[in-house]
Amino acid sequence: MSSTERLFLVEKELKQYLPILNQASASILDNEISKYPIFVVHKEEIKVGINIIDRITTTANWSIEASTLEEFVVKNLIHQSKVEEFRKTYKDPKEFVCIFLISDMGAQFIFMAFS
């Protein structure tokens, strides 16, 4: 299976979580925590963000953490020199969820429409 096909399958699987991610994103925006919510989707143990879905204690295949651009910069996941470039590619958080996917395909940002 190609990496494109595998990514498509992961995105299809993540669609079930869009209502939860939409609610969490709205909370981050409404409480002015950040203009750039990022959701970290992974299967390994990581130390970024606040856990909203834990695959170990639920039937989910993925764990999901709510984070922000600001935390990614502080933890040096996005270098300060790349922040403006990231902001330019970031899509409207009221319409799209920003996912940082960590999988056997590596780590990558993907955007998925809420609707």
C-alpha atoms as a PDB file:
ATOM      1  CA  MET A   1       0.000   0.000   0.000  1.00  0.00           C
ATOM      2  CA  SER A   2       1.382   3.425  -0.916  1.00  0.00           C
ATOM      3  CA  SER A   3       1.884   6.169   1.662  1.00  0.00           C
ATOM      4  CA  THR A   4      -0.868   8.188  -0.048  1.00  0.00           C
ATOM      5  CA  GLU A   5      -3.306   5.289   0.353  1.00  0.00           C
ATOM      6  CA  ARG A   6      -2.269   4.807   3.988  1.00  0.00           C
ATOM      7  CA  LEU A   7      -2.720   8.524   4.693  1.00  0.00           C
ATOM      8  CA  PHE A   8      -6.176   8.385   3.098  1.00  0.00           C
ATOM      9  CA  LEU A   9      -7.127   5.480   5.400  1.00  0.00           C
ATOM     10  CA  VAL A  10      -5.872   7.359   8.488  1.00  0.00           C
ATOM     11  CA  GLU A  11      -7.870  10.456   7.475  1.00  0.00           C
ATOM     12  CA  LYS A  12     -10.961   8.284   6.952  1.00  0.00           C
ATOM     13  CA  GLU A  13     -10.479   6.790  10.423  1.00  0.00           C
ATOM     14  CA  LEU A  14     -10.005  10.232  12.019  1.00  0.00           C
ATOM     15  CA  LYS A  15     -13.299  11.580  10.625  1.00  0.00           C
ATOM     16  CA  GLN A  16     -15.161  10.006  13.549  1.00  0.00           C
ATOM     17  CA  TYR A  17     -13.265  12.359  15.889  1.00  0.00           C
ATOM     18  CA  LEU A  18     -14.076  15.573  14.005  1.00  0.00           C
ATOM     19  CA  PRO A  19     -16.978  16.599  16.306  1.00  0.00           C
ATOM     20  CA  ILE A  20     -14.706  16.312  19.384  1.00  0.00           C
ATOM     21  CA  LEU A  21     -11.874  18.146  17.627  1.00  0.00           C
ATOM     22  CA  ASN A  22     -14.258  20.865  16.456  1.00  0.00           C
ATOM     23  CA  GLN A  23     -15.479  21.401  20.017  1.00  0.00           C
ATOM     24  CA  ALA A  24     -11.926  21.484  21.411  1.00  0.00           C
ATOM     25  CA  SER A  25     -10.784  23.855  18.664  1.00  0.00           C
ATOM     26  CA  ALA A  26     -13.709  26.201  19.336  1.00  0.00           C
ATOM     27  CA  SER A  27     -12.844  26.189  23.044  1.00  0.00           C
ATOM     28  CA  ILE A  28      -9.202  27.099  22.312  1.00  0.00           C
ATOM     29  CA  LEU A  29     -10.336  29.920  20.011  1.00  0.00           C
ATOM     30  CA  ASP A  30     -13.210  31.190  22.201  1.00  0.00           C
ATOM     31  CA  ASN A  31     -11.026  31.313  25.312  1.00  0.00           C
ATOM     32  CA  GLU A  32      -8.327  33.130  23.316  1.00  0.00           C
ATOM     33  CA  ILE A  33      -5.734  30.497  24.211  1.00  0.00           C
ATOM     34  CA  SER A  34      -4.443  30.568  20.643  1.00  0.00           C
ATOM     35  CA  LYS A  35      -5.467  31.445  17.110  1.00  0.00           C
ATOM     36  CA  TYR A  36      -3.666  28.279  15.973  1.00  0.00           C
ATOM     37  CA  PRO A  37      -4.973  25.060  17.574  1.00  0.00           C
ATOM     38  CA  ILE A  38      -3.032  21.927  16.626  1.00  0.00           C
ATOM     39  CA  PHE A  39      -4.130  18.375  17.414  1.00  0.00           C
ATOM     40  CA  VAL A  40      -1.396  15.785  17.817  1.00  0.00           C
ATOM     41  CA  VAL A  41      -2.542  12.342  16.653  1.00  0.00           C
ATOM     42  CA  HIS A  42      -0.283   9.467  17.653  1.00  0.00           C
ATOM     43  CA  LYS A  43       0.053   5.942  19.002  1.00  0.00           C
ATOM     44  CA  GLU A  44       3.220   6.414  21.050  1.00  0.00           C
ATOM     45  CA  GLU A  45       3.787   8.184  24.355  1.00  0.00           C
ATOM     46  CA  ILE A  46       4.380  11.895  23.798  1.00  0.00           C
ATOM     47  CA  LYS A  47       4.587  14.984  25.971  1.00  0.00           C
ATOM     48  CA  VAL A  48       2.815  17.662  23.955  1.00  0.00           C
ATOM     49  CA  GLY A  49      -0.547  19.239  24.674  1.00  0.00           C
ATOM     50  CA  ILE A  50      -3.485  18.124  26.751  1.00  0.00           C
ATOM     51  CA  ASN A  51      -4.879  14.644  26.206  1.00  0.00           C
ATOM     52  CA  ILE A  52      -8.415  14.541  24.868  1.00  0.00           C
ATOM     53  CA  ILE A  53      -8.513  10.934  23.618  1.00  0.00           C
ATOM     54  CA  ASP A  54      -6.353   8.160  25.051  1.00  0.00           C
ATOM     55  CA  ARG A  55      -6.163   5.003  22.949  1.00  0.00           C
ATOM     56  CA  ILE A  56      -4.997   2.979  25.977  1.00  0.00           C
ATOM     57  CA  THR A  57      -8.092   3.703  28.098  1.00  0.00           C
ATOM     58  CA  THR A  58     -10.642   3.782  25.243  1.00  0.00           C
ATOM     59  CA  THR A  59     -11.412   1.744  22.147  1.00  0.00           C
ATOM     60  CA  ALA A  60      -9.797   4.400  19.914  1.00  0.00           C
ATOM     61  CA  ASN A  61      -6.893   3.463  17.651  1.00  0.00           C
ATOM     62  CA  TRP A  62      -5.245   6.861  18.138  1.00  0.00           C
ATOM     63  CA  SER A  63      -4.475   9.143  21.050  1.00  0.00           C
ATOM     64  CA  ILE A  64      -5.121  12.833  20.467  1.00  0.00           C
ATOM     65  CA  GLU A  65      -3.655  15.803  22.312  1.00  0.00           C
ATOM     66  CA  ALA A  66      -4.828  19.417  21.994  1.00  0.00           C
ATOM     67  CA  SER A  67      -1.942  21.824  21.524  1.00  0.00           C
ATOM     68  CA  THR A  68      -1.154  25.178  19.923  1.00  0.00           C
ATOM     69  CA  LEU A  69       1.362  26.789  17.629  1.00  0.00           C
ATOM     70  CA  GLU A  70       2.800  28.562  20.654  1.00  0.00           C
ATOM     71  CA  GLU A  71       3.516  25.271  22.448  1.00  0.00           C
ATOM     72  CA  PHE A  72       5.067  23.833  19.285  1.00  0.00           C
ATOM     73  CA  VAL A  73       7.440  26.821  19.185  1.00  0.00           C
ATOM     74  CA  VAL A  74       8.303  26.559  22.899  1.00  0.00           C
ATOM     75  CA  LYS A  75       9.024  22.822  22.501  1.00  0.00           C
ATOM     76  CA  ASN A  76      11.000  23.562  19.325  1.00  0.00           C
ATOM     77  CA  LEU A  77       8.750  21.380  17.149  1.00  0.00           C
ATOM     78  CA  ILE A  78       8.373  24.412  14.891  1.00  0.00           C
ATOM     79  CA  HIS A  79      11.444  26.605  14.758  1.00  0.00           C
ATOM     80  CA  GLN A  80      10.845  30.304  15.407  1.00  0.00           C
ATOM     81  CA  SER A  81      12.121  31.097  11.888  1.00  0.00           C
ATOM     82  CA  LYS A  82       9.313  28.943  10.402  1.00  0.00           C
ATOM     83  CA  VAL A  83       6.392  30.465  12.353  1.00  0.00           C
ATOM     84  CA  GLU A  84       5.388  32.968   9.657  1.00  0.00           C
ATOM     85  CA  GLU A  85       5.521  30.266   6.970  1.00  0.00           C
ATOM     86  CA  PHE A  86       3.344  28.018   9.173  1.00  0.00           C
ATOM     87  CA  ARG A  87       0.801  30.818   9.705  1.00  0.00           C
ATOM     88  CA  LYS A  88       0.547  31.332   5.941  1.00  0.00           C
ATOM     89  CA  THR A  89      -0.261  27.657   5.324  1.00  0.00           C
ATOM     90  CA  TYR A  90      -2.578  27.327   8.345  1.00  0.00           C
ATOM     91  CA  LYS A  91      -6.229  27.073   7.278  1.00  0.00           C
ATOM     92  CA  ASP A  92      -9.229  28.722   8.942  1.00  0.00           C
ATOM     93  CA  PRO A  93      -9.592  26.875  12.286  1.00  0.00           C
ATOM     94  CA  LYS A  94     -13.368  27.338  12.219  1.00  0.00           C
ATOM     95  CA  GLU A  95     -13.531  25.272   9.029  1.00  0.00           C
ATOM     96  CA  PHE A  96     -10.478  22.972   9.246  1.00  0.00           C
ATOM     97  CA  VAL A  97      -8.719  21.005  11.942  1.00  0.00           C
ATOM     98  CA  CYS A  98      -4.920  21.138  11.954  1.00  0.00           C
ATOM     99  CA  ILE A  99      -3.522  17.701  12.748  1.00  0.00           C
ATOM    100  CA  PHE A 100       0.079  16.840  13.465  1.00  0.00           C
ATOM    101  CA  LEU A 101       0.096  13.143  12.625  1.00  0.00           C
ATOM    102  CA  ILE A 102       2.855  10.976  14.068  1.00  0.00           C
ATOM    103  CA  SER A 103       2.764   7.528  12.479  1.00  0.00           C
ATOM    104  CA  ASP A 104       4.925   4.916  10.819  1.00  0.00           C
ATOM    105  CA  MET A 105       4.882   7.271   7.811  1.00  0.00           C
ATOM    106  CA  GLY A 106       6.736   9.893   9.864  1.00  0.00           C
ATOM    107  CA  ALA A 107       5.405  13.167  11.250  1.00  0.00           C
ATOM    108  CA  GLN A 108       3.354  15.497   9.097  1.00  0.00           C
ATOM    109  CA  PHE A 109       0.754  18.230   9.241  1.00  0.00           C
ATOM    110  CA  ILE A 110      -2.605  17.597   7.619  1.00  0.00           C
ATOM    111  CA  PHE A 111      -5.732  19.722   7.485  1.00  0.00           C
ATOM    112  CA  MET A 112      -9.188  18.164   7.468  1.00  0.00           C
ATOM    113  CA  ALA A 113     -12.463  19.997   6.877  1.00  0.00           C
ATOM    114  CA  PHE A 114     -14.904  19.843   9.791  1.00  0.00           C
ATOM    115  CA  SER A 115     -17.826  19.365   7.401  1.00  0.00           C
END
